[in-house]
C-alpha atoms as a PDB file:
ATOM      1  CA  MET A   1    -125.418 -25.341 141.013  1.00  0.00           C
ATOM      2  CA  ARG A   2    -125.507 -27.579 137.927  1.00  0.00           C
ATOM      3  CA  LEU A   3    -127.138 -25.175 135.501  1.00  0.00           C
ATOM      4  CA  SER A   4    -125.702 -21.803 136.631  1.00  0.00           C
ATOM      5  CA  GLY A   5    -125.318 -19.392 133.787  1.00  0.00           C
ATOM      6  CA  LYS A   6    -127.454 -21.440 131.345  1.00  0.00           C
ATOM      7  CA  THR A   7    -130.772 -20.345 129.740  1.00  0.00           C
ATOM      8  CA  ALA A   8    -133.415 -22.931 129.122  1.00  0.00           C
ATOM      9  CA  LEU A   9    -136.582 -23.045 127.076  1.00  0.00           C
ATOM     10  CA  VAL A  10    -139.237 -25.528 128.235  1.00  0.00           C
ATOM     11  CA  THR A  11    -142.488 -26.317 126.436  1.00  0.00           C
ATOM     12  CA  ALA A  12    -145.662 -27.545 128.099  1.00  0.00           C
ATOM     13  CA  ALA A  13    -144.404 -26.097 131.347  1.00  0.00           C
ATOM     14  CA  GLY A  14    -147.697 -25.281 132.943  1.00  0.00           C
ATOM     15  CA  GLN A  15    -148.168 -28.621 134.700  1.00  0.00           C
ATOM     16  CA  GLY A  16    -146.778 -32.123 135.282  1.00  0.00           C
ATOM     17  CA  ILE A  17    -143.342 -33.014 134.201  1.00  0.00           C
ATOM     18  CA  GLY A  18    -142.828 -29.740 132.430  1.00  0.00           C
ATOM     19  CA  ARG A  19    -143.594 -27.663 135.507  1.00  0.00           C
ATOM     20  CA  ALA A  20    -141.541 -29.927 137.759  1.00  0.00           C
ATOM     21  CA  SER A  21    -138.558 -29.538 135.343  1.00  0.00           C
ATOM     22  CA  VAL A  22    -138.831 -25.769 135.203  1.00  0.00           C
ATOM     23  CA  LEU A  23    -138.665 -25.561 138.964  1.00  0.00           C
ATOM     24  CA  ALA A  24    -135.770 -28.070 139.152  1.00  0.00           C
ATOM     25  CA  MET A  25    -133.809 -26.204 136.533  1.00  0.00           C
ATOM     26  CA  ALA A  26    -134.358 -22.806 138.253  1.00  0.00           C
ATOM     27  CA  ARG A  27    -133.259 -24.269 141.562  1.00  0.00           C
ATOM     28  CA  GLU A  28    -130.009 -25.469 139.841  1.00  0.00           C
ATOM     29  CA  GLY A  29    -129.367 -21.816 138.630  1.00  0.00           C
ATOM     30  CA  ALA A  30    -130.800 -21.728 135.091  1.00  0.00           C
ATOM     31  CA  ARG A  31    -132.700 -18.869 133.757  1.00  0.00           C
ATOM     32  CA  VAL A  32    -135.889 -20.650 132.429  1.00  0.00           C
ATOM     33  CA  LEU A  33    -138.408 -19.555 129.910  1.00  0.00           C
ATOM     34  CA  ALA A  34    -141.461 -21.602 130.767  1.00  0.00           C
ATOM     35  CA  THR A  35    -144.007 -21.808 127.947  1.00  0.00           C
ATOM     36  CA  ASP A  36    -147.453 -23.421 127.545  1.00  0.00           C
ATOM     37  CA  VAL A  37    -150.382 -23.129 125.175  1.00  0.00           C
ATOM     38  CA  ARG A  38    -152.601 -22.393 128.245  1.00  0.00           C
ATOM     39  CA  ALA A  39    -151.367 -19.022 129.422  1.00  0.00           C
ATOM     40  CA  GLU A  40    -153.317 -19.223 132.627  1.00  0.00           C
ATOM     41  CA  SER A  41    -151.308 -22.349 133.750  1.00  0.00           C
ATOM     42  CA  LEU A  42    -148.176 -20.186 133.715  1.00  0.00           C
ATOM     43  CA  ARG A  43    -149.390 -17.960 136.573  1.00  0.00           C
ATOM     44  CA  THR A  44    -148.159 -20.611 139.019  1.00  0.00           C
ATOM     45  CA  PHE A  45    -144.651 -19.405 138.268  1.00  0.00           C
ATOM     46  CA  ASP A  46    -145.471 -15.806 139.481  1.00  0.00           C
ATOM     47  CA  GLY A  47    -142.815 -14.806 141.972  1.00  0.00           C
ATOM     48  CA  VAL A  48    -140.591 -17.789 141.239  1.00  0.00           C
ATOM     49  CA  GLY A  49    -136.958 -16.738 140.870  1.00  0.00           C
ATOM     50  CA  ASN A  50    -135.165 -17.412 137.570  1.00  0.00           C
ATOM     51  CA  VAL A  51    -138.391 -18.131 135.728  1.00  0.00           C
ATOM     52  CA  ILE A  52    -139.968 -16.059 133.032  1.00  0.00           C
ATOM     53  CA  THR A  53    -142.992 -17.110 131.080  1.00  0.00           C
ATOM     54  CA  ALA A  54    -144.643 -16.838 127.666  1.00  0.00           C
ATOM     55  CA  PRO A  55    -147.683 -18.464 126.006  1.00  0.00           C
ATOM     56  CA  LEU A  56    -146.749 -20.733 123.178  1.00  0.00           C
ATOM     57  CA  ASP A  57    -148.590 -23.066 120.850  1.00  0.00           C
ATOM     58  CA  VAL A  58    -146.012 -25.531 119.615  1.00  0.00           C
ATOM     59  CA  LEU A  59    -148.297 -26.353 116.666  1.00  0.00           C
ATOM     60  CA  ASP A  60    -147.513 -22.870 115.357  1.00  0.00           C
ATOM     61  CA  ARG A  61    -144.006 -22.635 113.865  1.00  0.00           C
ATOM     62  CA  ALA A  62    -144.089 -18.868 113.614  1.00  0.00           C
ATOM     63  CA  GLN A  63    -144.896 -18.659 117.378  1.00  0.00           C
ATOM     64  CA  ILE A  64    -142.013 -20.987 118.217  1.00  0.00           C
ATOM     65  CA  GLU A  65    -139.568 -18.888 116.232  1.00  0.00           C
ATOM     66  CA  ALA A  66    -140.913 -15.697 117.786  1.00  0.00           C
ATOM     67  CA  VAL A  67    -140.673 -16.910 121.426  1.00  0.00           C
ATOM     68  CA  ALA A  68    -137.234 -18.424 120.881  1.00  0.00           C
ATOM     69  CA  GLY A  69    -136.075 -15.112 119.391  1.00  0.00           C
ATOM     70  CA  THR A  70    -136.909 -13.300 122.659  1.00  0.00           C
ATOM     71  CA  LEU A  71    -133.966 -15.012 124.309  1.00  0.00           C
ATOM     72  CA  ASP A  72    -130.434 -13.667 123.940  1.00  0.00           C
ATOM     73  CA  ARG A  73    -129.142 -17.242 124.185  1.00  0.00           C
ATOM     74  CA  ILE A  74    -130.539 -20.732 124.521  1.00  0.00           C
ATOM     75  CA  ASP A  75    -128.290 -23.344 126.098  1.00  0.00           C
ATOM     76  CA  VAL A  76    -131.027 -25.953 126.883  1.00  0.00           C
ATOM     77  CA  LEU A  77    -134.255 -26.935 125.179  1.00  0.00           C
ATOM     78  CA  PHE A  78    -136.687 -29.345 126.774  1.00  0.00           C
ATOM     79  CA  ASN A  79    -139.424 -30.450 124.563  1.00  0.00           C
ATOM     80  CA  CYS A  80    -142.129 -31.622 126.895  1.00  0.00           C
ATOM     81  CA  ALA A  81    -145.376 -31.011 124.966  1.00  0.00           C
ATOM     82  CA  GLY A  82    -147.240 -34.159 124.023  1.00  0.00           C
ATOM     83  CA  TYR A  83    -150.514 -35.938 123.592  1.00  0.00           C
ATOM     84  CA  VAL A  84    -151.730 -39.506 124.425  1.00  0.00           C
ATOM     85  CA  HIS A  85    -154.149 -41.156 122.146  1.00  0.00           C
ATOM     86  CA  ALA A  86    -155.838 -44.266 123.415  1.00  0.00           C
ATOM     87  CA  GLY A  87    -156.672 -46.976 120.931  1.00  0.00           C
ATOM     88  CA  THR A  88    -155.525 -49.557 118.510  1.00  0.00           C
ATOM     89  CA  VAL A  89    -154.659 -49.065 114.798  1.00  0.00           C
ATOM     90  CA  LEU A  90    -158.325 -49.745 114.063  1.00  0.00           C
ATOM     91  CA  ASP A  91    -159.521 -47.110 116.484  1.00  0.00           C
ATOM     92  CA  ALA A  92    -157.276 -44.314 115.221  1.00  0.00           C
ATOM     93  CA  SER A  93    -158.756 -41.845 112.713  1.00  0.00           C
ATOM     94  CA  ASP A  94    -156.686 -39.811 110.279  1.00  0.00           C
ATOM     95  CA  ALA A  95    -157.337 -36.766 112.447  1.00  0.00           C
ATOM     96  CA  ASP A  96    -156.061 -38.597 115.559  1.00  0.00           C
ATOM     97  CA  PHE A  97    -152.921 -39.645 113.699  1.00  0.00           C
ATOM     98  CA  ASP A  98    -152.268 -36.203 112.215  1.00  0.00           C
ATOM     99  CA  PHE A  99    -152.740 -34.460 115.619  1.00  0.00           C
ATOM    100  CA  ALA A 100    -150.448 -36.786 117.450  1.00  0.00           C
ATOM    101  CA  VAL A 101    -147.735 -36.630 114.830  1.00  0.00           C
ATOM    102  CA  ASN A 102    -147.932 -32.781 114.761  1.00  0.00           C
ATOM    103  CA  LEU A 103    -147.818 -32.351 118.532  1.00  0.00           C
ATOM    104  CA  ASN A 104    -145.548 -35.241 119.617  1.00  0.00           C
ATOM    105  CA  VAL A 105    -143.056 -35.136 116.728  1.00  0.00           C
ATOM    106  CA  ARG A 106    -143.388 -32.138 114.352  1.00  0.00           C
ATOM    107  CA  SER A 107    -143.340 -29.642 117.280  1.00  0.00           C
ATOM    108  CA  GLN A 108    -139.983 -31.052 118.380  1.00  0.00           C
ATOM    109  CA  PHE A 109    -138.654 -30.816 114.790  1.00  0.00           C
ATOM    110  CA  TRP A 110    -139.685 -27.112 114.796  1.00  0.00           C
ATOM    111  CA  THR A 111    -138.368 -26.262 118.190  1.00  0.00           C
ATOM    112  CA  SER A 112    -135.034 -27.937 117.416  1.00  0.00           C
ATOM    113  CA  ARG A 113    -134.754 -25.990 114.215  1.00  0.00           C
ATOM    114  CA  ALA A 114    -135.487 -22.755 116.081  1.00  0.00           C
ATOM    115  CA  VAL A 115    -132.731 -23.121 118.685  1.00  0.00           C
ATOM    116  CA  LEU A 116    -130.039 -25.046 116.841  1.00  0.00           C
ATOM    117  CA  PRO A 117    -128.490 -22.106 114.860  1.00  0.00           C
ATOM    118  CA  ARG A 118    -127.641 -20.233 118.103  1.00  0.00           C
ATOM    119  CA  MET A 119    -126.423 -23.313 119.831  1.00  0.00           C
ATOM    120  CA  LEU A 120    -124.150 -24.039 116.988  1.00  0.00           C
ATOM    121  CA  GLU A 121    -122.950 -20.427 117.011  1.00  0.00           C
ATOM    122  CA  ALA A 122    -122.137 -20.859 120.650  1.00  0.00           C
ATOM    123  CA  GLY A 123    -120.524 -24.297 120.138  1.00  0.00           C
ATOM    124  CA  ALA A 124    -122.647 -25.905 122.814  1.00  0.00           C
ATOM    125  CA  GLY A 125    -126.198 -26.861 123.679  1.00  0.00           C
ATOM    126  CA  SER A 126    -128.365 -29.502 125.068  1.00  0.00           C
ATOM    127  CA  ILE A 127    -131.772 -30.635 123.596  1.00  0.00           C
ATOM    128  CA  GLY A 128    -133.904 -32.928 125.706  1.00  0.00           C
ATOM    129  CA  ASN A 129    -136.992 -34.614 124.188  1.00  0.00           C
ATOM    130  CA  MET A 130    -139.988 -36.241 125.872  1.00  0.00           C
ATOM    131  CA  ALA A 131    -140.377 -39.777 124.595  1.00  0.00           C
ATOM    132  CA  SER A 132    -141.961 -42.725 126.498  1.00  0.00           C
ATOM    133  CA  VAL A 133    -141.482 -46.250 127.569  1.00  0.00           C
ATOM    134  CA  ALA A 134    -144.357 -46.887 125.099  1.00  0.00           C
ATOM    135  CA  GLY A 135    -143.035 -47.079 121.544  1.00  0.00           C
ATOM    136  CA  SER A 136    -139.714 -48.632 120.457  1.00  0.00           C
ATOM    137  CA  LEU A 137    -138.775 -49.586 124.008  1.00  0.00           C
ATOM    138  CA  ARG A 138    -141.946 -51.484 124.731  1.00  0.00           C
ATOM    139  CA  GLY A 139    -145.282 -52.075 122.997  1.00  0.00           C
ATOM    140  CA  LEU A 140    -148.281 -51.218 125.244  1.00  0.00           C
ATOM    141  CA  PRO A 141    -151.906 -52.091 124.357  1.00  0.00           C
ATOM    142  CA  ASN A 142    -154.147 -49.360 123.115  1.00  0.00           C
ATOM    143  CA  ARG A 143    -151.377 -46.968 122.372  1.00  0.00           C
ATOM    144  CA  PHE A 144    -150.939 -47.274 118.649  1.00  0.00           C
ATOM    145  CA  VAL A 145    -150.654 -43.673 117.694  1.00  0.00           C
ATOM    146  CA  TYR A 146    -148.858 -42.678 120.892  1.00  0.00           C
ATOM    147  CA  GLY A 147    -146.365 -45.409 120.696  1.00  0.00           C
ATOM    148  CA  LEU A 148    -145.712 -44.719 117.015  1.00  0.00           C
ATOM    149  CA  THR A 149    -145.033 -41.041 117.618  1.00  0.00           C
ATOM    150  CA  LYS A 150    -142.811 -41.668 120.700  1.00  0.00           C
ATOM    151  CA  ALA A 151    -140.800 -44.177 118.699  1.00  0.00           C
ATOM    152  CA  ALA A 152    -140.312 -41.379 116.142  1.00  0.00           C
ATOM    153  CA  VAL A 153    -139.069 -39.069 118.915  1.00  0.00           C
ATOM    154  CA  ILE A 154    -136.310 -41.539 119.685  1.00  0.00           C
ATOM    155  CA  GLY A 155    -135.336 -41.533 116.007  1.00  0.00           C
ATOM    156  CA  LEU A 156    -135.513 -37.732 115.888  1.00  0.00           C
ATOM    157  CA  THR A 157    -133.267 -37.612 118.992  1.00  0.00           C
ATOM    158  CA  LYS A 158    -130.672 -39.981 117.602  1.00  0.00           C
ATOM    159  CA  SER A 159    -130.629 -38.142 114.224  1.00  0.00           C
ATOM    160  CA  VAL A 160    -130.018 -34.739 115.786  1.00  0.00           C
ATOM    161  CA  ALA A 161    -127.352 -36.175 118.101  1.00  0.00           C
ATOM    162  CA  ALA A 162    -125.563 -37.879 115.170  1.00  0.00           C
ATOM    163  CA  ASP A 163    -125.558 -34.758 112.997  1.00  0.00           C
ATOM    164  CA  TYR A 164    -124.108 -32.439 115.647  1.00  0.00           C
ATOM    165  CA  VAL A 165    -122.091 -34.683 117.983  1.00  0.00           C
ATOM    166  CA  GLY A 166    -118.856 -33.050 116.723  1.00  0.00           C
ATOM    167  CA  ARG A 167    -120.120 -29.501 117.121  1.00  0.00           C
ATOM    168  CA  GLY A 168    -120.888 -29.326 120.802  1.00  0.00           C
ATOM    169  CA  ILE A 169    -124.620 -30.111 120.631  1.00  0.00           C
ATOM    170  CA  ARG A 170    -126.153 -32.980 122.684  1.00  0.00           C
ATOM    171  CA  CYS A 171    -129.621 -34.485 122.160  1.00  0.00           C
ATOM    172  CA  ASN A 172    -131.204 -37.075 124.441  1.00  0.00           C
ATOM    173  CA  CYS A 173    -134.636 -38.098 125.394  1.00  0.00           C
ATOM    174  CA  VAL A 174    -136.402 -39.284 128.503  1.00  0.00           C
ATOM    175  CA  CYS A 175    -138.752 -42.287 128.451  1.00  0.00           C
ATOM    176  CA  PRO A 176    -141.035 -42.276 131.486  1.00  0.00           C
ATOM    177  CA  GLY A 177    -143.425 -44.929 132.626  1.00  0.00           C
ATOM    178  CA  THR A 178    -146.785 -43.822 133.945  1.00  0.00           C
ATOM    179  CA  VAL A 179    -146.466 -40.536 135.807  1.00  0.00           C
ATOM    180  CA  ASP A 180    -149.223 -39.147 138.118  1.00  0.00           C
ATOM    181  CA  THR A 181    -149.868 -35.874 136.359  1.00  0.00           C
ATOM    182  CA  PRO A 182    -153.009 -33.695 135.771  1.00  0.00           C
ATOM    183  CA  SER A 183    -153.017 -35.086 132.169  1.00  0.00           C
ATOM    184  CA  LEU A 184    -153.203 -38.629 133.448  1.00  0.00           C
ATOM    185  CA  ALA A 185    -155.873 -37.585 135.907  1.00  0.00           C
ATOM    186  CA  ASP A 186    -157.952 -36.168 133.064  1.00  0.00           C
ATOM    187  CA  ARG A 187    -157.635 -39.403 131.116  1.00  0.00           C
ATOM    188  CA  ILE A 188    -158.520 -41.596 134.160  1.00  0.00           C
ATOM    189  CA  ASN A 189    -161.522 -39.456 134.883  1.00  0.00           C
ATOM    190  CA  ALA A 190    -162.799 -39.964 131.336  1.00  0.00           C
ATOM    191  CA  PHE A 191    -163.269 -43.679 131.995  1.00  0.00           C
ATOM    192  CA  ASP A 192    -166.743 -44.948 133.119  1.00  0.00           C
ATOM    193  CA  ASP A 193    -165.042 -46.224 136.315  1.00  0.00           C
ATOM    194  CA  PRO A 194    -162.130 -43.915 137.203  1.00  0.00           C
ATOM    195  CA  VAL A 195    -161.306 -45.860 140.391  1.00  0.00           C
ATOM    196  CA  GLU A 196    -160.762 -49.094 138.363  1.00  0.00           C
ATOM    197  CA  ALA A 197    -158.949 -47.260 135.681  1.00  0.00           C
ATOM    198  CA  ARG A 198    -156.433 -45.835 138.157  1.00  0.00           C
ATOM    199  CA  LYS A 199    -155.834 -49.320 139.576  1.00  0.00           C
ATOM    200  CA  ALA A 200    -155.171 -50.573 136.053  1.00  0.00           C
ATOM    201  CA  PHE A 201    -152.633 -47.976 135.422  1.00  0.00           C
ATOM    202  CA  ILE A 202    -150.913 -48.731 138.696  1.00  0.00           C
ATOM    203  CA  ALA A 203    -151.034 -52.440 138.004  1.00  0.00           C
ATOM    204  CA  ARG A 204    -148.857 -52.157 134.963  1.00  0.00           C
ATOM    205  CA  GLN A 205    -146.064 -50.566 137.018  1.00  0.00           C
ATOM    206  CA  PRO A 206    -143.882 -53.256 138.533  1.00  0.00           C
ATOM    207  CA  MET A 207    -143.175 -50.948 141.581  1.00  0.00           C
ATOM    208  CA  GLY A 208    -146.862 -50.935 142.339  1.00  0.00           C
ATOM    209  CA  ARG A 209    -147.227 -47.068 142.150  1.00  0.00           C
ATOM    210  CA  LEU A 210    -147.212 -44.335 139.668  1.00  0.00           C
ATOM    211  CA  ALA A 211    -144.221 -41.985 139.320  1.00  0.00           C
ATOM    212  CA  LYS A 212    -144.324 -38.379 140.506  1.00  0.00           C
ATOM    213  CA  ALA A 213    -143.411 -35.630 138.164  1.00  0.00           C
ATOM    214  CA  GLU A 214    -140.761 -34.612 140.653  1.00  0.00           C
ATOM    215  CA  GLU A 215    -138.991 -37.996 140.162  1.00  0.00           C
ATOM    216  CA  ILE A 216    -138.701 -37.349 136.402  1.00  0.00           C
ATOM    217  CA  ALA A 217    -137.345 -33.770 136.660  1.00  0.00           C
ATOM    218  CA  PRO A 218    -133.878 -34.673 138.065  1.00  0.00           C
ATOM    219  CA  LEU A 219    -133.072 -36.741 135.012  1.00  0.00           C
ATOM    220  CA  VAL A 220    -134.069 -33.878 132.873  1.00  0.00           C
ATOM    221  CA  VAL A 221    -131.727 -31.559 134.788  1.00  0.00           C
ATOM    222  CA  PHE A 222    -128.952 -34.086 134.566  1.00  0.00           C
ATOM    223  CA  LEU A 223    -129.099 -34.451 130.827  1.00  0.00           C
ATOM    224  CA  ALA A 224    -129.198 -30.615 130.471  1.00  0.00           C
ATOM    225  CA  SER A 225    -126.265 -30.170 132.704  1.00  0.00           C
ATOM    226  CA  ASP A 226    -122.438 -30.373 131.954  1.00  0.00           C
ATOM    227  CA  GLU A 227    -122.378 -33.443 134.070  1.00  0.00           C
ATOM    228  CA  ALA A 228    -123.840 -35.203 131.104  1.00  0.00           C
ATOM    229  CA  ALA A 229    -121.304 -33.779 128.732  1.00  0.00           C
ATOM    230  CA  PHE A 230    -120.338 -37.211 127.379  1.00  0.00           C
ATOM    231  CA  VAL A 231    -123.991 -38.286 126.914  1.00  0.00           C
ATOM    232  CA  THR A 232    -125.773 -37.927 123.635  1.00  0.00           C
ATOM    233  CA  GLY A 233    -128.231 -39.780 121.402  1.00  0.00           C
ATOM    234  CA  GLN A 234    -129.547 -41.791 124.405  1.00  0.00           C
ATOM    235  CA  SER A 235    -133.026 -42.837 125.447  1.00  0.00           C
ATOM    236  CA  TYR A 236    -133.261 -42.931 129.214  1.00  0.00           C
ATOM    237  CA  SER A 237    -135.959 -45.183 130.642  1.00  0.00           C
ATOM    238  CA  ILE A 238    -137.311 -43.875 134.012  1.00  0.00           C
ATOM    239  CA  ASP A 239    -140.200 -46.308 134.179  1.00  0.00           C
ATOM    240  CA  GLY A 240    -140.421 -47.989 137.573  1.00  0.00           C
ATOM    241  CA  GLY A 241    -139.202 -51.316 136.090  1.00  0.00           C
ATOM    242  CA  MET A 242    -141.506 -51.550 133.086  1.00  0.00           C
ATOM    243  CA  THR A 243    -138.540 -52.465 130.844  1.00  0.00           C
ATOM    244  CA  ILE A 244    -136.657 -54.805 133.223  1.00  0.00           C
END
């Protein structure tokens, strides 16, 4: 098992890619602390072996530090929490900008600070960050704030990787295309015509379909595992051909 003996902390674990990644890590032998701001969403892990849960608002640094402190060790961090704002630079308000920066970027800054001291003490650790194909890899229409923050995640990832590459710490990010998650469903259902909106999301994927969360999780597991021991500072596109 690729993650046997490792302890992982996952944010936004209640659904979508976060949930799929928790289950995949647990199957590979990791002890996983699954966290989410919606405590009720964590009940789906009841009875799942190797998984413990805790509510966590990643916009609260004190909560992050407290939850991380409940673990005797942290070998893997997967920062999955995020928010998609739809609109151009002219559509984005200061409140939209601030919220997206805080959730998509600042939370990863805080979680990384919370786990790095113990990783450094152990001389090993893997941090995985959720970025996106939208951002520095590709510009997508009506994703100004989202693309900006996801580009920042790639910069954050490379900076952490560069600072600790000689001390056993690896930091990488995954850059998905459009994934069929409950979050996407909520955004689609907010359109006046959800059927046409879903068709539009599918149309921008060269494969002609959306990804499944379970198709992203294996990459998360690989980057967390010792099989990726020589991989750091990388942005992995898993986008169904969007960046061909």
